[in-house]
């Protein structure tokens, strides 16, 4: 089996943007059990906030696990942009690699900007919009990594040992 070449940066970025839209819809569904947990635990705010965050993350993981671990191995944006998630050797990633990809993407695209926003809000007198812009600058890290990495992988794919390739037999 030949080593797969990553799909173009443009296609992977377009799929990432499309995935963000679908994840917003999945988050809306996740708010149903999260709101119930929040109401049940409202007397302990920290516990309620933690439960909401964990429920949302669990629903997100459920969505990605269901899509990536299915026989097709694709989310809807991956299918639309004809992308396939593989290992660098060309095989399907195992559950451990899928979990790592999800964790690294969550850390790099969500937790790092949120932590940065929280810290900057405490340390600077800047308006929230400015601080939000500064925190979102962390999104540059995984994207710019793809621009300088020899195989153009996003940072979370590199760290998880996965690669998004063009789906074989479906090339334009």
C-alpha atoms as a PDB file:
ATOM      1  CA  UNK A   1       0.000   0.000   0.000  1.00  0.00           C
ATOM      2  CA  UNK A   2       1.440   3.399  -0.938  1.00  0.00           C
ATOM      3  CA  UNK A   3       1.793   6.211   1.549  1.00  0.00           C
ATOM      4  CA  UNK A   4      -1.128   8.616   1.039  1.00  0.00           C
ATOM      5  CA  UNK A   5      -0.507  12.230   0.157  1.00  0.00           C
ATOM      6  CA  UNK A   6      -2.563  14.729   2.146  1.00  0.00           C
ATOM      7  CA  UNK A   7      -5.434  16.409   0.360  1.00  0.00           C
ATOM      8  CA  UNK A   8      -4.917  20.035  -0.589  1.00  0.00           C
ATOM      9  CA  UNK A   9      -4.846  22.623   2.166  1.00  0.00           C
ATOM     10  CA  UNK A  10      -7.769  24.440   0.558  1.00  0.00           C
ATOM     11  CA  UNK A  11     -10.045  21.389   0.622  1.00  0.00           C
ATOM     12  CA  UNK A  12      -9.109  20.487   4.185  1.00  0.00           C
ATOM     13  CA  UNK A  13      -9.676  24.080   5.348  1.00  0.00           C
ATOM     14  CA  UNK A  14     -13.035  24.238   3.569  1.00  0.00           C
ATOM     15  CA  UNK A  15     -14.048  20.974   5.256  1.00  0.00           C
ATOM     16  CA  UNK A  16     -12.923  22.392   8.614  1.00  0.00           C
ATOM     17  CA  UNK A  17     -15.122  25.482   8.140  1.00  0.00           C
ATOM     18  CA  UNK A  18     -18.087  23.325   7.093  1.00  0.00           C
ATOM     19  CA  UNK A  19     -17.447  21.073  10.094  1.00  0.00           C
ATOM     20  CA  UNK A  20     -17.671  24.115  12.383  1.00  0.00           C
ATOM     21  CA  UNK A  21     -21.197  24.793  11.085  1.00  0.00           C
ATOM     22  CA  UNK A  22     -22.292  21.205  11.694  1.00  0.00           C
ATOM     23  CA  UNK A  23     -20.686  21.232  15.122  1.00  0.00           C
ATOM     24  CA  UNK A  24     -22.791  24.295  15.973  1.00  0.00           C
ATOM     25  CA  UNK A  25     -25.910  22.238  15.199  1.00  0.00           C
ATOM     26  CA  UNK A  26     -24.604  19.298  17.242  1.00  0.00           C
ATOM     27  CA  UNK A  27     -23.961  21.734  20.106  1.00  0.00           C
ATOM     28  CA  UNK A  28     -27.581  22.913  19.955  1.00  0.00           C
ATOM     29  CA  UNK A  29     -28.681  19.303  20.420  1.00  0.00           C
ATOM     30  CA  UNK A  30     -26.155  18.908  23.271  1.00  0.00           C
ATOM     31  CA  UNK A  31     -27.716  21.866  25.065  1.00  0.00           C
ATOM     32  CA  UNK A  32     -30.854  19.830  25.784  1.00  0.00           C
ATOM     33  CA  UNK A  33     -29.214  17.440  28.283  1.00  0.00           C
ATOM     34  CA  UNK A  34     -26.751  20.175  29.316  1.00  0.00           C
ATOM     35  CA  UNK A  35     -29.602  22.520  30.264  1.00  0.00           C
ATOM     36  CA  UNK A  36     -31.242  19.750  32.274  1.00  0.00           C
ATOM     37  CA  UNK A  37     -27.983  19.130  34.129  1.00  0.00           C
ATOM     38  CA  UNK A  38     -27.551  22.855  34.701  1.00  0.00           C
ATOM     39  CA  UNK A  39     -31.032  23.135  36.203  1.00  0.00           C
ATOM     40  CA  UNK A  40     -30.504  20.076  38.402  1.00  0.00           C
ATOM     41  CA  UNK A  41     -27.151  21.345  39.689  1.00  0.00           C
ATOM     42  CA  UNK A  42     -27.833  25.090  39.767  1.00  0.00           C
ATOM     43  CA  UNK A  43     -27.195  25.308  43.509  1.00  0.00           C
ATOM     44  CA  UNK A  44     -23.509  24.450  42.927  1.00  0.00           C
ATOM     45  CA  UNK A  45     -22.461  26.722  40.032  1.00  0.00           C
ATOM     46  CA  UNK A  46     -19.011  25.196  39.488  1.00  0.00           C
ATOM     47  CA  UNK A  47     -20.467  21.694  39.354  1.00  0.00           C
ATOM     48  CA  UNK A  48     -23.225  22.847  36.987  1.00  0.00           C
ATOM     49  CA  UNK A  49     -20.735  24.549  34.636  1.00  0.00           C
ATOM     50  CA  UNK A  50     -18.458  21.512  34.677  1.00  0.00           C
ATOM     51  CA  UNK A  51     -21.376  19.178  33.927  1.00  0.00           C
ATOM     52  CA  UNK A  52     -22.492  21.355  31.000  1.00  0.00           C
ATOM     53  CA  UNK A  53     -18.976  21.435  29.543  1.00  0.00           C
ATOM     54  CA  UNK A  54     -18.512  17.682  29.927  1.00  0.00           C
ATOM     55  CA  UNK A  55     -21.897  16.922  28.359  1.00  0.00           C
ATOM     56  CA  UNK A  56     -21.118  19.119  25.353  1.00  0.00           C
ATOM     57  CA  UNK A  57     -17.686  17.525  24.934  1.00  0.00           C
ATOM     58  CA  UNK A  58     -19.198  14.044  25.261  1.00  0.00           C
ATOM     59  CA  UNK A  59     -21.796  14.803  22.579  1.00  0.00           C
ATOM     60  CA  UNK A  60     -19.102  16.219  20.290  1.00  0.00           C
ATOM     61  CA  UNK A  61     -16.969  13.106  20.802  1.00  0.00           C
ATOM     62  CA  UNK A  62     -20.020  10.945  20.149  1.00  0.00           C
ATOM     63  CA  UNK A  63     -20.653  12.743  16.862  1.00  0.00           C
ATOM     64  CA  UNK A  64     -17.061  12.436  15.659  1.00  0.00           C
ATOM     65  CA  UNK A  65     -16.651   8.859  16.877  1.00  0.00           C
ATOM     66  CA  UNK A  66     -19.867   7.845  15.137  1.00  0.00           C
ATOM     67  CA  UNK A  67     -18.720   9.414  11.861  1.00  0.00           C
ATOM     68  CA  UNK A  68     -15.015   8.532  11.920  1.00  0.00           C
ATOM     69  CA  UNK A  69     -15.484   4.986  13.209  1.00  0.00           C
ATOM     70  CA  UNK A  70     -18.330   4.164  10.806  1.00  0.00           C
ATOM     71  CA  UNK A  71     -17.702   1.927   7.778  1.00  0.00           C
ATOM     72  CA  UNK A  72     -17.399   5.044   5.613  1.00  0.00           C
ATOM     73  CA  UNK A  73     -15.119   6.796   8.135  1.00  0.00           C
ATOM     74  CA  UNK A  74     -16.219  10.307   7.179  1.00  0.00           C
ATOM     75  CA  UNK A  75     -18.173  13.225   8.536  1.00  0.00           C
ATOM     76  CA  UNK A  76     -20.529  14.991   6.108  1.00  0.00           C
ATOM     77  CA  UNK A  77     -17.952  17.720   5.282  1.00  0.00           C
ATOM     78  CA  UNK A  78     -15.328  15.042   4.642  1.00  0.00           C
ATOM     79  CA  UNK A  79     -17.759  13.310   2.282  1.00  0.00           C
ATOM     80  CA  UNK A  80     -18.626  16.564   0.477  1.00  0.00           C
ATOM     81  CA  UNK A  81     -14.951  17.479   0.009  1.00  0.00           C
ATOM     82  CA  UNK A  82     -14.032  13.829  -0.754  1.00  0.00           C
ATOM     83  CA  UNK A  83     -11.631  13.471   2.161  1.00  0.00           C
ATOM     84  CA  UNK A  84     -10.636  10.298   3.975  1.00  0.00           C
ATOM     85  CA  UNK A  85      -9.039  10.086   7.412  1.00  0.00           C
ATOM     86  CA  UNK A  86      -6.086   7.686   7.391  1.00  0.00           C
ATOM     87  CA  UNK A  87      -2.842   6.881   9.133  1.00  0.00           C
ATOM     88  CA  UNK A  88       0.405   7.934   7.422  1.00  0.00           C
ATOM     89  CA  UNK A  89       0.762   4.274   6.334  1.00  0.00           C
ATOM     90  CA  UNK A  90      -2.581   4.444   4.494  1.00  0.00           C
ATOM     91  CA  UNK A  91      -4.749   2.362   6.847  1.00  0.00           C
ATOM     92  CA  UNK A  92      -7.820   3.406   8.808  1.00  0.00           C
ATOM     93  CA  UNK A  93      -6.973   4.966  12.168  1.00  0.00           C
ATOM     94  CA  UNK A  94      -7.845   3.032  15.288  1.00  0.00           C
ATOM     95  CA  UNK A  95     -10.037   4.318  18.079  1.00  0.00           C
ATOM     96  CA  UNK A  96      -6.987   5.493  20.053  1.00  0.00           C
ATOM     97  CA  UNK A  97      -5.822   7.685  17.154  1.00  0.00           C
ATOM     98  CA  UNK A  98      -9.333   9.030  16.622  1.00  0.00           C
ATOM     99  CA  UNK A  99      -9.529   9.905  20.301  1.00  0.00           C
ATOM    100  CA  UNK A 100      -6.138  11.639  20.115  1.00  0.00           C
ATOM    101  CA  UNK A 101      -7.218  13.613  17.055  1.00  0.00           C
ATOM    102  CA  UNK A 102     -10.371  14.750  18.840  1.00  0.00           C
ATOM    103  CA  UNK A 103      -8.463  15.708  22.009  1.00  0.00           C
ATOM    104  CA  UNK A 104      -5.748  17.633  20.161  1.00  0.00           C
ATOM    105  CA  UNK A 105      -8.280  19.458  17.962  1.00  0.00           C
ATOM    106  CA  UNK A 106     -10.329  20.357  21.047  1.00  0.00           C
ATOM    107  CA  UNK A 107      -7.266  21.634  22.897  1.00  0.00           C
ATOM    108  CA  UNK A 108      -5.895  23.632  19.968  1.00  0.00           C
ATOM    109  CA  UNK A 109      -9.135  25.006  18.529  1.00  0.00           C
ATOM    110  CA  UNK A 110     -11.206  25.470  21.699  1.00  0.00           C
ATOM    111  CA  UNK A 111      -9.459  25.154  25.048  1.00  0.00           C
ATOM    112  CA  UNK A 112      -6.332  27.176  24.231  1.00  0.00           C
ATOM    113  CA  UNK A 113      -8.320  30.173  22.896  1.00  0.00           C
ATOM    114  CA  UNK A 114     -10.782  29.962  25.834  1.00  0.00           C
ATOM    115  CA  UNK A 115      -7.995  29.792  28.417  1.00  0.00           C
ATOM    116  CA  UNK A 116      -6.219  32.654  26.678  1.00  0.00           C
ATOM    117  CA  UNK A 117      -9.406  34.748  26.706  1.00  0.00           C
ATOM    118  CA  UNK A 118      -9.966  34.059  30.397  1.00  0.00           C
ATOM    119  CA  UNK A 119      -6.396  34.933  31.362  1.00  0.00           C
ATOM    120  CA  UNK A 120      -6.264  38.063  29.194  1.00  0.00           C
ATOM    121  CA  UNK A 121      -9.593  39.298  30.619  1.00  0.00           C
ATOM    122  CA  UNK A 122      -8.093  39.081  34.116  1.00  0.00           C
ATOM    123  CA  UNK A 123      -4.750  40.660  33.219  1.00  0.00           C
ATOM    124  CA  UNK A 124      -5.662  43.475  30.838  1.00  0.00           C
ATOM    125  CA  UNK A 125      -8.124  46.379  30.872  1.00  0.00           C
ATOM    126  CA  UNK A 126      -8.805  45.890  27.146  1.00  0.00           C
ATOM    127  CA  UNK A 127     -12.395  45.615  25.901  1.00  0.00           C
ATOM    128  CA  UNK A 128     -13.788  42.063  25.575  1.00  0.00           C
ATOM    129  CA  UNK A 129     -13.872  42.275  21.757  1.00  0.00           C
ATOM    130  CA  UNK A 130     -10.133  43.025  21.624  1.00  0.00           C
ATOM    131  CA  UNK A 131      -9.354  40.251  24.071  1.00  0.00           C
ATOM    132  CA  UNK A 132     -11.504  37.818  22.055  1.00  0.00           C
ATOM    133  CA  UNK A 133      -9.576  38.715  18.904  1.00  0.00           C
ATOM    134  CA  UNK A 134      -6.284  38.168  20.698  1.00  0.00           C
ATOM    135  CA  UNK A 135      -7.480  34.813  22.055  1.00  0.00           C
ATOM    136  CA  UNK A 136      -8.672  33.669  18.630  1.00  0.00           C
ATOM    137  CA  UNK A 137      -5.172  34.341  17.306  1.00  0.00           C
ATOM    138  CA  UNK A 138      -4.380  30.881  18.718  1.00  0.00           C
ATOM    139  CA  UNK A 139      -6.316  29.474  15.740  1.00  0.00           C
ATOM    140  CA  UNK A 140      -3.330  30.549  13.663  1.00  0.00           C
ATOM    141  CA  UNK A 141      -1.178  27.851  15.294  1.00  0.00           C
ATOM    142  CA  UNK A 142      -2.760  24.709  13.780  1.00  0.00           C
ATOM    143  CA  UNK A 143      -3.443  26.439  10.464  1.00  0.00           C
ATOM    144  CA  UNK A 144       0.012  27.982  10.019  1.00  0.00           C
ATOM    145  CA  UNK A 145       1.575  24.690  11.036  1.00  0.00           C
ATOM    146  CA  UNK A 146      -0.066  23.238   7.932  1.00  0.00           C
ATOM    147  CA  UNK A 147       1.513  25.954   5.806  1.00  0.00           C
ATOM    148  CA  UNK A 148       5.041  25.205   7.031  1.00  0.00           C
ATOM    149  CA  UNK A 149       4.842  21.430   7.537  1.00  0.00           C
ATOM    150  CA  UNK A 150       6.309  19.468   4.573  1.00  0.00           C
ATOM    151  CA  UNK A 151       3.129  17.396   4.095  1.00  0.00           C
ATOM    152  CA  UNK A 152       0.807  20.348   4.903  1.00  0.00           C
ATOM    153  CA  UNK A 153      -0.891  18.600   7.834  1.00  0.00           C
ATOM    154  CA  UNK A 154      -2.844  20.488  10.465  1.00  0.00           C
ATOM    155  CA  UNK A 155      -1.116  20.342  13.847  1.00  0.00           C
ATOM    156  CA  UNK A 156      -3.758  18.125  15.468  1.00  0.00           C
ATOM    157  CA  UNK A 157      -3.467  15.561  12.655  1.00  0.00           C
ATOM    158  CA  UNK A 158       0.312  15.552  13.013  1.00  0.00           C
ATOM    159  CA  UNK A 159       0.098  15.068  16.792  1.00  0.00           C
ATOM    160  CA  UNK A 160      -2.497  12.289  16.476  1.00  0.00           C
ATOM    161  CA  UNK A 161      -0.681  10.465  13.686  1.00  0.00           C
ATOM    162  CA  UNK A 162      -3.506  10.897  11.182  1.00  0.00           C
ATOM    163  CA  UNK A 163      -3.740  12.455   7.742  1.00  0.00           C
ATOM    164  CA  UNK A 164      -6.678  13.692   5.655  1.00  0.00           C
ATOM    165  CA  UNK A 165      -6.289  12.361   2.150  1.00  0.00           C
ATOM    166  CA  UNK A 166      -8.255  12.627  -1.036  1.00  0.00           C
ATOM    167  CA  UNK A 167     -10.738   9.759  -1.161  1.00  0.00           C
ATOM    168  CA  UNK A 168      -9.500   7.213  -3.686  1.00  0.00           C
ATOM    169  CA  UNK A 169     -11.641   6.884  -6.791  1.00  0.00           C
ATOM    170  CA  UNK A 170     -13.494  10.160  -6.224  1.00  0.00           C
ATOM    171  CA  UNK A 171     -11.103  12.645  -7.707  1.00  0.00           C
ATOM    172  CA  UNK A 172     -12.416  15.503  -9.853  1.00  0.00           C
END
